[in-house]
Protein backbone atom coordinates (compact mmCIF):
# COMPACT_ATOMS: atom_id res chain seq x y z
CA MET A 1 68.18 114.39 122.32
CA SER A 2 70.77 115.73 124.73
CA ARG A 3 69.56 116.60 128.19
CA LYS A 4 69.14 120.42 128.64
CA ALA A 5 67.22 120.81 131.84
CA GLY A 6 65.77 123.97 133.33
CA ILE A 7 63.49 125.18 136.10
CA ILE A 8 60.23 127.08 135.63
CA TYR A 9 59.17 128.97 138.91
CA TYR A 10 55.89 130.44 139.44
CA THR A 11 54.58 132.56 142.36
CA ASP A 12 51.60 134.70 143.38
CA SER A 13 54.09 137.19 144.83
CA LYS A 14 52.24 137.05 148.19
CA LEU A 15 54.47 134.58 150.08
CA GLU A 16 56.22 135.87 153.11
CA ASP A 17 60.04 136.35 152.76
CA LYS A 18 60.89 133.99 155.53
CA ILE A 19 59.57 131.18 153.43
CA ALA A 20 60.23 132.48 149.90
CA PHE A 21 63.87 133.31 150.43
CA PRO A 22 65.09 129.81 151.51
CA VAL A 23 63.25 128.16 148.68
CA ILE A 24 64.90 130.55 146.17
CA GLY A 25 68.35 130.10 147.69
CA ILE A 26 68.09 126.33 147.43
CA LEU A 27 66.99 126.48 143.88
CA GLN A 28 69.79 129.01 142.87
CA ALA A 29 72.32 126.50 144.21
CA ILE A 30 71.00 123.77 141.81
CA GLY A 31 72.68 125.71 138.92
CA PHE A 32 69.91 124.99 136.31
CA PRO A 33 68.70 127.97 134.20
CA VAL A 34 65.55 129.42 135.67
CA VAL A 35 62.52 131.16 134.21
CA SER A 36 60.44 132.80 136.88
CA CYS A 37 56.97 134.08 136.36
CA SER A 38 55.59 136.43 139.08
CA LEU A 39 52.81 138.88 139.66
CA LYS A 40 55.35 141.45 140.95
CA PRO A 41 58.99 141.99 139.76
CA MET A 42 61.61 139.73 141.46
CA ASP A 43 65.28 139.17 141.16
CA PHE A 44 65.29 135.56 140.39
CA GLY A 45 66.23 133.81 137.14
CA ASP A 46 64.77 135.28 133.82
CA ASN A 47 61.81 137.02 135.30
CA VAL A 48 58.57 137.63 133.51
CA VAL A 49 55.88 139.71 135.31
CA LEU A 50 52.08 139.16 134.51
CA ASP A 51 49.67 141.94 135.41
CA LEU A 52 46.97 139.56 136.73
CA LYS A 53 45.28 138.81 139.97
CA PRO A 54 46.28 135.70 141.84
CA GLY A 55 44.21 132.71 140.99
CA ILE A 56 44.01 129.27 139.33
CA ILE A 57 43.73 130.51 135.74
CA THR A 58 46.53 132.97 136.35
CA MET A 59 48.60 130.16 137.59
CA PHE A 60 48.00 128.27 134.21
CA ASN A 61 48.99 131.35 132.29
CA GLN A 62 52.13 131.85 134.41
CA ILE A 63 53.18 128.13 133.76
CA LEU A 64 52.62 128.49 130.01
CA THR A 65 54.41 131.92 129.91
CA ALA A 66 57.48 130.33 131.69
CA LEU A 67 57.41 127.24 129.47
CA GLU A 68 57.48 129.31 126.35
CA LYS A 69 60.22 131.60 127.67
CA SER A 70 62.43 128.66 128.73
CA GLU A 71 64.99 127.27 126.36
CA ALA A 72 65.43 123.97 128.16
CA ASN A 73 64.06 120.76 126.60
CA ILE A 74 63.32 119.20 129.95
CA VAL A 75 61.64 121.33 132.77
CA PHE A 76 61.19 120.96 136.41
CA PHE A 77 58.07 122.78 137.73
CA CYS A 78 59.03 124.51 140.96
CA GLU A 79 56.69 126.30 143.27
CA HIS A 80 57.52 129.04 145.72
CA ASP A 81 56.67 127.10 148.91
CA VAL A 82 58.43 123.84 148.29
CA LEU A 83 61.94 123.00 149.25
CA TYR A 84 63.56 120.93 146.53
CA HIS A 85 66.38 118.52 147.38
CA LYS A 86 69.21 118.45 144.77
CA SER A 87 68.50 114.78 144.31
CA HIS A 88 65.20 115.78 142.79
CA PHE A 89 67.05 117.31 139.77
CA HIS A 90 68.90 113.99 139.03
CA PHE A 91 65.86 112.64 137.36
CA GLU A 92 65.58 112.40 133.59
CA PRO A 93 62.32 111.62 131.80
CA GLU A 94 62.37 108.50 129.50
CA TYR A 95 59.69 109.54 127.14
CA ASP A 96 58.79 112.91 125.70
CA ASN A 97 55.02 112.40 125.94
CA VAL A 98 54.64 111.46 129.66
CA PHE A 99 54.26 113.58 132.73
CA TYR A 100 56.54 112.46 135.46
CA TYR A 101 55.93 113.15 139.25
CA ASN A 102 58.36 112.86 142.19
CA THR A 103 56.27 111.36 144.95
CA ASN A 104 59.01 111.47 147.64
CA VAL A 105 57.48 114.32 149.47
CA TRP A 106 56.94 115.34 153.08
CA GLN A 107 54.24 117.96 153.85
CA TRP A 108 55.46 120.06 156.75
CA LYS A 109 52.84 121.84 158.82
CA TYR A 110 54.88 125.03 159.09
CA PRO A 111 56.26 126.05 161.65
CA GLU A 112 55.05 123.17 163.80
CA ASP A 113 57.21 120.11 164.56
CA PHE A 114 55.57 117.47 162.43
CA ALA A 115 55.34 116.35 158.75
CA VAL A 116 53.15 113.82 156.97
CA THR A 117 53.44 111.71 153.92
CA TYR A 118 51.63 108.83 152.15
CA ASP A 119 51.69 106.71 149.04
CA ASN A 120 51.32 108.35 145.65
CA LEU A 121 51.46 111.97 146.90
CA THR A 122 51.31 113.33 143.43
CA SER A 123 51.53 117.16 143.12
CA LEU A 124 52.12 119.67 140.29
CA SER A 125 55.12 121.00 142.28
CA GLY A 126 56.89 117.58 141.70
CA LEU A 127 56.45 117.61 137.98
CA CYS A 128 59.25 117.01 135.42
CA VAL A 129 58.38 116.81 131.75
CA TYR A 130 59.65 117.64 128.24
CA ARG A 131 58.96 121.33 127.68
CA LYS A 132 57.28 121.16 124.24
CA PHE A 133 54.79 118.46 125.58
CA ALA A 134 53.89 120.65 128.49
CA ILE A 135 53.32 123.62 126.29
CA GLU A 136 50.85 121.71 124.15
CA HIS A 137 48.93 120.60 127.23
CA TYR A 138 48.65 124.05 128.83
CA LYS A 139 47.53 125.72 125.51
CA LYS A 140 44.76 123.03 125.42
CA ARG A 141 43.89 123.67 129.11
CA LEU A 142 43.59 127.41 128.58
CA LYS A 143 41.55 126.97 125.48
CA LEU A 144 39.18 124.84 127.42
CA VAL A 145 38.97 127.58 130.12
CA GLU A 146 38.17 130.19 127.48
CA LYS A 147 35.67 128.07 125.77
CA ASN A 148 33.79 127.38 128.98
CA GLY A 149 33.89 130.89 130.07
CA TRP A 150 35.60 130.29 133.51
CA VAL A 151 36.94 133.43 135.13
CA ASP A 152 39.10 133.81 138.27
CA ASP A 153 36.42 134.66 140.81
CA GLY A 154 37.40 132.32 143.52
CA LYS A 155 34.89 129.69 142.56
CA GLN A 156 35.52 126.58 140.54
CA PRO A 157 32.85 125.03 138.25
CA SER A 158 32.37 121.30 138.57
CA TRP A 159 34.22 120.68 135.25
CA ALA A 160 37.20 122.65 136.47
CA LYS A 161 37.37 120.58 139.61
CA ARG A 162 37.22 117.44 137.45
CA MET A 163 40.12 118.76 135.25
CA GLY A 164 42.32 119.12 138.40
CA TYR A 165 45.80 120.57 138.56
CA GLU A 166 48.12 117.54 137.65
CA PRO A 167 48.29 116.78 133.89
CA GLY A 168 48.15 113.16 133.00
CA THR A 169 46.76 111.91 136.27
CA LYS A 170 43.12 111.48 135.42
CA SER A 171 41.77 108.17 133.96
CA GLU A 172 40.66 108.21 130.34
CA ARG A 173 37.12 108.25 131.67
CA GLN A 174 37.67 111.41 133.74
CA GLU A 175 40.05 113.27 131.38
CA ILE A 176 38.54 116.34 129.76
CA VAL A 177 41.75 118.13 128.58
CA SER A 178 43.78 115.47 126.69
CA LYS A 179 44.32 111.75 127.09
CA ASP A 180 47.84 112.16 128.47
CA VAL A 181 49.51 109.79 130.89
CA SER A 182 51.81 110.11 133.83
CA GLU A 183 54.35 108.02 135.72
CA CYS A 184 55.94 108.42 139.20
CA TRP A 185 59.38 108.34 140.52
CA ARG A 186 61.08 108.86 143.89
CA SER A 187 64.15 110.92 144.40
CA LYS A 188 66.84 109.78 146.74
CA TYR A 189 65.86 112.37 149.36
CA PRO A 190 62.46 113.96 149.80
CA ASN A 191 61.15 117.43 148.71
CA ILE A 192 59.50 119.41 151.48
CA ASP A 193 56.11 120.87 150.74
CA ILE A 194 55.58 123.72 153.24
CA ARG A 195 51.94 123.85 154.41
CA HIS A 196 51.48 127.41 155.64
CA LYS A 197 48.52 129.74 156.11
CA GLY A 198 48.51 130.97 152.52
CA THR A 199 48.82 127.57 150.64
CA PHE A 200 47.13 127.48 147.31
CA THR A 201 45.50 124.15 147.93
CA PRO A 202 43.74 123.14 151.28
CA GLN A 203 45.94 121.81 154.05
CA LYS A 204 45.39 118.06 154.63
CA MET A 205 47.50 117.25 157.69
CA SER A 206 45.20 114.81 159.28
CA LEU A 207 43.48 111.64 158.11
CA ASP A 208 40.27 113.29 159.19
CA ASN A 209 40.75 115.84 156.26
CA PHE A 210 40.35 112.99 153.62
CA LYS A 211 37.18 111.65 152.23
CA HIS A 212 39.15 108.67 150.73
CA LYS A 213 41.83 107.75 153.17
CA PRO A 214 45.38 107.66 151.82
CA ILE A 215 47.55 104.54 151.98
CA ASN A 216 50.53 104.26 154.24
CA TRP A 217 49.92 107.43 156.11
CA LYS A 218 53.02 108.47 158.15
CA THR A 219 53.73 111.27 160.67
CA ILE A 220 57.22 112.08 161.88
CA LYS A 221 58.95 114.96 163.55
CA VAL A 222 60.53 117.53 161.34
CA SER A 223 63.96 116.76 162.77
CA GLU A 224 63.56 113.11 161.53
CA ILE A 225 63.25 113.91 157.80
CA ILE A 226 66.39 112.49 156.14
CA GLY A 227 68.40 114.89 153.99
CA TRP A 228 67.22 118.11 155.73
CA ASN A 229 67.77 120.28 158.70
CA LEU A 230 64.73 122.47 158.46
CA TYR A 231 65.09 124.17 161.72
CA ASP A 232 68.55 125.47 160.80
CA ILE A 233 67.39 126.58 157.39
CA PHE A 234 64.49 128.62 158.90
CA ASN A 235 66.33 129.56 162.14
CA ILE A 236 63.58 127.95 164.18
CA LYS A 237 64.46 126.65 167.74
CA SER A 238 63.90 122.90 168.11
CA LYS A 239 60.88 122.05 170.00
């Protein structure tokens, strides 16, 4: 199968422009076809708007909507508050039934002057996968949500927490959606996960935030991140 890669982009349409615009600008420069799924109309890629409230189940629906709209056979999941280095998009998955995660990521405590990383930093925002395989997974995921009667009310039932966000990352014992598998890779230069006040998942910028301590925890100044000049991109004065 020839490589036809594309981007799916999903957003709750609540992110402030000073973060959203640089992310979009960098993605536009990649040159891949983009399907965006938002909760308000936006001028980015082939845009689909869902009349839903922000939430976890809404995000699942946005992902599935974008996947079904895309015509690529390989898709990169892109989120509205992550800066993607162009080297991220050089990756090509070997198998069509595996979820692949880029773990070369720095989490930036925006707009402060430090970022953190650690081993196996696996996030949905770093996912690359064959599109048809991802569609199958998210259909199963949403059927499970419907079957169990979960609604987007700000609370997660225990089974939903067990399900998690990253397909293929649970052990067979833990898996409740499907027995899929995942692998990791590292791009030449890192992506930047911008940890701001409105992040979807909790900010964990200190070892004290972890029940199980991550391996090889590292903290550096933002200016030391190779491949990026974040203060120039965001017009922030160096501290």
